């Protein structure tokens, strides 16, 4: 079984920077443009899969309609829920609890933000979604419109990084990166360019 996933992170949102997680922010005009530019030279997809959060889903709906592609909403590809840190930026949290933020940055699998989703549960949720997609869509190319955390997780796995390095994976807004899933193993590949 083989499945290519081109992973597109949403663009800039109205909520600004910080831990947005489960907050349902819209894209800014710039965010919309960032995403359009990111996919302009890419394609060859059989399907578009999106997180249900509007910063992903609205663009995914527009792109799928414009390119005549089916669209699937996959709830398990939503962002990590940051609990009490939702809507706050790192500077605010650092001021209040430097130790907690440091623990999360250096050991994301071992430290969970207060009332947040444990990273291990998040990883199981995301990897379970990828496994289902791989089984159902063998041999296909899929554009996944999702979040920085989802992309970090999949890229860290594809690169064979230890768990402690998860948050060191750089994924700017509107990044387009590819992974291939073969028999449950992930490897990093180039996204599908238009011919």
C-alpha atoms as a PDB file:
ATOM      1  CA  UNK A   1       0.000   0.000   0.000  1.00  0.00           C
ATOM      2  CA  UNK A   2       1.268   3.449  -0.928  1.00  0.00           C
ATOM      3  CA  UNK A   3      -0.296   6.872  -0.484  1.00  0.00           C
ATOM      4  CA  UNK A   4       1.219  10.271  -1.214  1.00  0.00           C
ATOM      5  CA  UNK A   5       0.041  13.082   1.051  1.00  0.00           C
ATOM      6  CA  UNK A   6       0.847  16.656   0.108  1.00  0.00           C
ATOM      7  CA  UNK A   7       0.477  18.578   3.361  1.00  0.00           C
ATOM      8  CA  UNK A   8      -0.621  22.221   3.170  1.00  0.00           C
ATOM      9  CA  UNK A   9      -0.633  24.313   6.323  1.00  0.00           C
ATOM     10  CA  UNK A  10      -3.263  27.029   6.536  1.00  0.00           C
ATOM     11  CA  UNK A  11      -2.147  30.629   6.004  1.00  0.00           C
ATOM     12  CA  UNK A  12      -2.224  33.591   8.374  1.00  0.00           C
ATOM     13  CA  UNK A  13      -5.360  33.754  10.529  1.00  0.00           C
ATOM     14  CA  UNK A  14      -7.417  36.502  12.128  1.00  0.00           C
ATOM     15  CA  UNK A  15      -6.479  35.165  15.563  1.00  0.00           C
ATOM     16  CA  UNK A  16      -2.837  36.153  15.180  1.00  0.00           C
ATOM     17  CA  UNK A  17       0.092  34.220  16.570  1.00  0.00           C
ATOM     18  CA  UNK A  18       0.182  31.983  19.583  1.00  0.00           C
ATOM     19  CA  UNK A  19      -1.488  28.744  20.565  1.00  0.00           C
ATOM     20  CA  UNK A  20      -4.599  28.671  18.367  1.00  0.00           C
ATOM     21  CA  UNK A  21      -5.285  24.920  18.607  1.00  0.00           C
ATOM     22  CA  UNK A  22      -9.028  24.294  18.631  1.00  0.00           C
ATOM     23  CA  UNK A  23      -9.980  27.950  18.136  1.00  0.00           C
ATOM     24  CA  UNK A  24     -11.877  28.306  14.872  1.00  0.00           C
ATOM     25  CA  UNK A  25     -10.109  31.330  13.392  1.00  0.00           C
ATOM     26  CA  UNK A  26     -10.755  32.479   9.839  1.00  0.00           C
ATOM     27  CA  UNK A  27      -8.017  33.210   7.331  1.00  0.00           C
ATOM     28  CA  UNK A  28      -6.989  36.789   6.721  1.00  0.00           C
ATOM     29  CA  UNK A  29      -6.884  38.026   3.110  1.00  0.00           C
ATOM     30  CA  UNK A  30      -3.114  37.507   3.258  1.00  0.00           C
ATOM     31  CA  UNK A  31      -3.632  33.961   4.549  1.00  0.00           C
ATOM     32  CA  UNK A  32      -5.940  33.191   1.631  1.00  0.00           C
ATOM     33  CA  UNK A  33      -3.379  34.584  -0.831  1.00  0.00           C
ATOM     34  CA  UNK A  34      -0.552  32.629   0.838  1.00  0.00           C
ATOM     35  CA  UNK A  35      -2.428  29.377   0.321  1.00  0.00           C
ATOM     36  CA  UNK A  36      -3.375  30.168  -3.287  1.00  0.00           C
ATOM     37  CA  UNK A  37       0.267  30.907  -4.080  1.00  0.00           C
ATOM     38  CA  UNK A  38       1.454  27.766  -2.291  1.00  0.00           C
ATOM     39  CA  UNK A  39      -0.579  25.431  -4.533  1.00  0.00           C
ATOM     40  CA  UNK A  40      -0.429  27.417  -7.797  1.00  0.00           C
ATOM     41  CA  UNK A  41       2.198  25.162  -9.425  1.00  0.00           C
ATOM     42  CA  UNK A  42       1.100  21.926  -7.781  1.00  0.00           C
ATOM     43  CA  UNK A  43      -1.633  19.402  -8.445  1.00  0.00           C
ATOM     44  CA  UNK A  44      -2.261  15.914  -9.732  1.00  0.00           C
ATOM     45  CA  UNK A  45      -4.334  15.137  -6.639  1.00  0.00           C
ATOM     46  CA  UNK A  46      -7.165  12.632  -6.590  1.00  0.00           C
ATOM     47  CA  UNK A  47      -8.801  14.099  -3.496  1.00  0.00           C
ATOM     48  CA  UNK A  48      -8.618  17.008  -1.049  1.00  0.00           C
ATOM     49  CA  UNK A  49      -8.818  16.149   2.664  1.00  0.00           C
ATOM     50  CA  UNK A  50      -9.233  18.905   5.230  1.00  0.00           C
ATOM     51  CA  UNK A  51      -9.365  19.605   8.920  1.00  0.00           C
ATOM     52  CA  UNK A  52     -12.847  20.797   9.904  1.00  0.00           C
ATOM     53  CA  UNK A  53     -11.535  24.097  11.298  1.00  0.00           C
ATOM     54  CA  UNK A  54     -12.460  26.981   8.987  1.00  0.00           C
ATOM     55  CA  UNK A  55      -8.876  28.185   8.515  1.00  0.00           C
ATOM     56  CA  UNK A  56      -8.395  24.951   6.565  1.00  0.00           C
ATOM     57  CA  UNK A  57     -11.846  23.904   5.412  1.00  0.00           C
ATOM     58  CA  UNK A  58     -12.902  27.113   3.656  1.00  0.00           C
ATOM     59  CA  UNK A  59      -9.829  27.112   1.419  1.00  0.00           C
ATOM     60  CA  UNK A  60     -10.087  23.337   0.849  1.00  0.00           C
ATOM     61  CA  UNK A  61     -13.700  23.740  -0.312  1.00  0.00           C
ATOM     62  CA  UNK A  62     -12.726  26.527  -2.719  1.00  0.00           C
ATOM     63  CA  UNK A  63      -9.759  24.618  -4.132  1.00  0.00           C
ATOM     64  CA  UNK A  64     -11.673  21.359  -4.527  1.00  0.00           C
ATOM     65  CA  UNK A  65     -14.484  23.177  -6.359  1.00  0.00           C
ATOM     66  CA  UNK A  66     -12.072  25.097  -8.602  1.00  0.00           C
ATOM     67  CA  UNK A  67     -10.170  21.941  -9.566  1.00  0.00           C
ATOM     68  CA  UNK A  68     -13.129  19.575  -9.744  1.00  0.00           C
ATOM     69  CA  UNK A  69     -11.867  17.349  -6.935  1.00  0.00           C
ATOM     70  CA  UNK A  70     -13.801  15.486  -4.275  1.00  0.00           C
ATOM     71  CA  UNK A  71     -13.457  16.844  -0.733  1.00  0.00           C
ATOM     72  CA  UNK A  72     -13.375  14.917   2.528  1.00  0.00           C
ATOM     73  CA  UNK A  73     -13.444  16.506   5.986  1.00  0.00           C
ATOM     74  CA  UNK A  74     -11.342  14.544   8.467  1.00  0.00           C
ATOM     75  CA  UNK A  75     -11.876  15.595  12.087  1.00  0.00           C
ATOM     76  CA  UNK A  76      -8.828  13.662  13.297  1.00  0.00           C
ATOM     77  CA  UNK A  77      -6.531  15.981  11.291  1.00  0.00           C
ATOM     78  CA  UNK A  78      -7.417  19.028  13.406  1.00  0.00           C
ATOM     79  CA  UNK A  79      -4.778  20.790  15.496  1.00  0.00           C
ATOM     80  CA  UNK A  80      -3.639  19.833  18.990  1.00  0.00           C
ATOM     81  CA  UNK A  81      -5.911  21.264  21.702  1.00  0.00           C
ATOM     82  CA  UNK A  82      -3.775  23.461  23.974  1.00  0.00           C
ATOM     83  CA  UNK A  83      -6.237  23.654  26.872  1.00  0.00           C
ATOM     84  CA  UNK A  84      -5.706  26.710  29.087  1.00  0.00           C
ATOM     85  CA  UNK A  85      -3.080  28.005  26.648  1.00  0.00           C
ATOM     86  CA  UNK A  86      -5.585  28.376  23.787  1.00  0.00           C
ATOM     87  CA  UNK A  87      -5.591  31.913  22.395  1.00  0.00           C
ATOM     88  CA  UNK A  88      -2.454  32.915  24.285  1.00  0.00           C
ATOM     89  CA  UNK A  89       1.054  33.516  22.992  1.00  0.00           C
ATOM     90  CA  UNK A  90       4.318  32.091  24.299  1.00  0.00           C
ATOM     91  CA  UNK A  91       5.411  35.416  25.825  1.00  0.00           C
ATOM     92  CA  UNK A  92       2.306  35.537  28.054  1.00  0.00           C
ATOM     93  CA  UNK A  93       2.764  31.969  29.196  1.00  0.00           C
ATOM     94  CA  UNK A  94       6.500  32.461  29.693  1.00  0.00           C
ATOM     95  CA  UNK A  95       5.789  35.411  32.002  1.00  0.00           C
ATOM     96  CA  UNK A  96       3.313  33.394  34.081  1.00  0.00           C
ATOM     97  CA  UNK A  97       4.947  29.974  34.101  1.00  0.00           C
ATOM     98  CA  UNK A  98       8.344  29.772  32.452  1.00  0.00           C
ATOM     99  CA  UNK A  99       8.873  26.229  33.751  1.00  0.00           C
ATOM    100  CA  UNK A 100       5.679  24.857  32.191  1.00  0.00           C
ATOM    101  CA  UNK A 101       6.391  26.343  28.789  1.00  0.00           C
ATOM    102  CA  UNK A 102       9.982  25.099  28.929  1.00  0.00           C
ATOM    103  CA  UNK A 103       8.765  21.608  29.786  1.00  0.00           C
ATOM    104  CA  UNK A 104       6.412  21.611  26.808  1.00  0.00           C
ATOM    105  CA  UNK A 105       9.080  22.851  24.368  1.00  0.00           C
ATOM    106  CA  UNK A 106      11.704  20.338  25.501  1.00  0.00           C
ATOM    107  CA  UNK A 107       9.452  17.350  26.205  1.00  0.00           C
ATOM    108  CA  UNK A 108       6.148  17.719  24.324  1.00  0.00           C
ATOM    109  CA  UNK A 109       5.250  14.052  24.773  1.00  0.00           C
ATOM    110  CA  UNK A 110       5.955  14.227  28.498  1.00  0.00           C
ATOM    111  CA  UNK A 111       4.311  17.541  29.392  1.00  0.00           C
ATOM    112  CA  UNK A 112       0.716  18.502  28.580  1.00  0.00           C
ATOM    113  CA  UNK A 113      -0.488  22.121  28.827  1.00  0.00           C
ATOM    114  CA  UNK A 114      -3.100  22.500  31.615  1.00  0.00           C
ATOM    115  CA  UNK A 115      -6.437  21.003  30.459  1.00  0.00           C
ATOM    116  CA  UNK A 116      -4.829  20.301  27.073  1.00  0.00           C
ATOM    117  CA  UNK A 117      -4.691  17.255  24.827  1.00  0.00           C
ATOM    118  CA  UNK A 118      -1.661  15.041  25.515  1.00  0.00           C
ATOM    119  CA  UNK A 119       0.649  14.960  22.490  1.00  0.00           C
ATOM    120  CA  UNK A 120       0.671  11.154  22.542  1.00  0.00           C
ATOM    121  CA  UNK A 121      -3.140  11.117  22.169  1.00  0.00           C
ATOM    122  CA  UNK A 122      -2.866  13.737  19.416  1.00  0.00           C
ATOM    123  CA  UNK A 123      -0.253  11.587  17.649  1.00  0.00           C
ATOM    124  CA  UNK A 124      -2.463   8.493  17.898  1.00  0.00           C
ATOM    125  CA  UNK A 125      -5.411  10.461  16.496  1.00  0.00           C
ATOM    126  CA  UNK A 126      -3.446  11.865  13.541  1.00  0.00           C
ATOM    127  CA  UNK A 127      -1.591   8.642  12.740  1.00  0.00           C
ATOM    128  CA  UNK A 128      -4.865   6.718  12.952  1.00  0.00           C
ATOM    129  CA  UNK A 129      -6.354   9.069  10.349  1.00  0.00           C
ATOM    130  CA  UNK A 130      -3.338   8.594   8.073  1.00  0.00           C
ATOM    131  CA  UNK A 131      -3.576   4.810   8.445  1.00  0.00           C
ATOM    132  CA  UNK A 132      -7.286   4.893   7.486  1.00  0.00           C
ATOM    133  CA  UNK A 133      -6.577   7.121   4.489  1.00  0.00           C
ATOM    134  CA  UNK A 134      -3.730   4.866   3.392  1.00  0.00           C
ATOM    135  CA  UNK A 135      -5.933   1.792   3.551  1.00  0.00           C
ATOM    136  CA  UNK A 136      -8.853   3.416   1.724  1.00  0.00           C
ATOM    137  CA  UNK A 137      -6.903   5.396  -0.880  1.00  0.00           C
ATOM    138  CA  UNK A 138      -4.071   3.067  -1.862  1.00  0.00           C
ATOM    139  CA  UNK A 139      -2.121   4.378  -4.847  1.00  0.00           C
ATOM    140  CA  UNK A 140      -3.645   7.861  -4.771  1.00  0.00           C
ATOM    141  CA  UNK A 141      -2.279  11.368  -4.300  1.00  0.00           C
ATOM    142  CA  UNK A 142      -4.065  13.481  -1.728  1.00  0.00           C
ATOM    143  CA  UNK A 143      -3.805  17.120  -0.714  1.00  0.00           C
ATOM    144  CA  UNK A 144      -4.271  17.447   3.049  1.00  0.00           C
ATOM    145  CA  UNK A 145      -5.151  20.965   4.239  1.00  0.00           C
ATOM    146  CA  UNK A 146      -4.221  21.016   7.904  1.00  0.00           C
ATOM    147  CA  UNK A 147      -2.262  22.585  10.754  1.00  0.00           C
ATOM    148  CA  UNK A 148       1.314  23.123  11.863  1.00  0.00           C
ATOM    149  CA  UNK A 149       1.105  20.536  14.632  1.00  0.00           C
ATOM    150  CA  UNK A 150      -0.212  17.816  12.316  1.00  0.00           C
ATOM    151  CA  UNK A 151       2.526  18.568   9.795  1.00  0.00           C
ATOM    152  CA  UNK A 152       5.251  18.655  12.452  1.00  0.00           C
ATOM    153  CA  UNK A 153       4.170  15.260  13.701  1.00  0.00           C
ATOM    154  CA  UNK A 154       4.098  13.628  10.258  1.00  0.00           C
ATOM    155  CA  UNK A 155       7.367  15.223   9.151  1.00  0.00           C
ATOM    156  CA  UNK A 156       9.116  14.302  12.409  1.00  0.00           C
ATOM    157  CA  UNK A 157       8.028  10.687  11.884  1.00  0.00           C
ATOM    158  CA  UNK A 158       9.109  10.749   8.238  1.00  0.00           C
ATOM    159  CA  UNK A 159      12.508  12.169   9.217  1.00  0.00           C
ATOM    160  CA  UNK A 160      12.975   9.674  12.034  1.00  0.00           C
ATOM    161  CA  UNK A 161      13.351  12.384  14.673  1.00  0.00           C
ATOM    162  CA  UNK A 162      13.160  11.564  18.377  1.00  0.00           C
ATOM    163  CA  UNK A 163      10.023  12.676  20.217  1.00  0.00           C
ATOM    164  CA  UNK A 164      11.884  15.498  21.992  1.00  0.00           C
ATOM    165  CA  UNK A 165      12.562  17.180  18.616  1.00  0.00           C
ATOM    166  CA  UNK A 166       8.918  17.356  17.507  1.00  0.00           C
ATOM    167  CA  UNK A 167       8.587  21.108  18.048  1.00  0.00           C
ATOM    168  CA  UNK A 168      11.866  21.817  16.264  1.00  0.00           C
ATOM    169  CA  UNK A 169      10.304  20.965  12.889  1.00  0.00           C
ATOM    170  CA  UNK A 170       9.713  24.258  11.055  1.00  0.00           C
ATOM    171  CA  UNK A 171       6.360  24.628   9.300  1.00  0.00           C
ATOM    172  CA  UNK A 172       5.617  28.253   8.308  1.00  0.00           C
ATOM    173  CA  UNK A 173       2.137  29.358   7.262  1.00  0.00           C
ATOM    174  CA  UNK A 174       1.078  28.002   3.853  1.00  0.00           C
ATOM    175  CA  UNK A 175       3.940  25.481   3.736  1.00  0.00           C
ATOM    176  CA  UNK A 176       3.428  22.681   1.214  1.00  0.00           C
ATOM    177  CA  UNK A 177       5.423  19.543   2.007  1.00  0.00           C
ATOM    178  CA  UNK A 178       4.983  15.910   1.037  1.00  0.00           C
ATOM    179  CA  UNK A 179       5.100  12.545   2.745  1.00  0.00           C
ATOM    180  CA  UNK A 180       4.554   9.058   1.397  1.00  0.00           C
ATOM    181  CA  UNK A 181       2.988   6.337   3.483  1.00  0.00           C
ATOM    182  CA  UNK A 182       4.049   2.818   2.474  1.00  0.00           C
ATOM    183  CA  UNK A 183       2.920  -0.083   4.657  1.00  0.00           C
ATOM    184  CA  UNK A 184       2.494   2.288   7.593  1.00  0.00           C
ATOM    185  CA  UNK A 185       5.961   3.850   7.274  1.00  0.00           C
ATOM    186  CA  UNK A 186       6.326   7.557   6.429  1.00  0.00           C
ATOM    187  CA  UNK A 187       9.032   9.100   4.263  1.00  0.00           C
ATOM    188  CA  UNK A 188       9.431  12.687   3.079  1.00  0.00           C
ATOM    189  CA  UNK A 189       8.904  13.338  -0.641  1.00  0.00           C
ATOM    190  CA  UNK A 190       8.472  16.350  -2.891  1.00  0.00           C
ATOM    191  CA  UNK A 191       4.872  17.540  -3.421  1.00  0.00           C
ATOM    192  CA  UNK A 192       3.254  16.793  -6.809  1.00  0.00           C
ATOM    193  CA  UNK A 193       4.038  19.506  -9.353  1.00  0.00           C
ATOM    194  CA  UNK A 194       1.725  20.249 -12.240  1.00  0.00           C
ATOM    195  CA  UNK A 195       3.032  18.869 -15.514  1.00  0.00           C
END
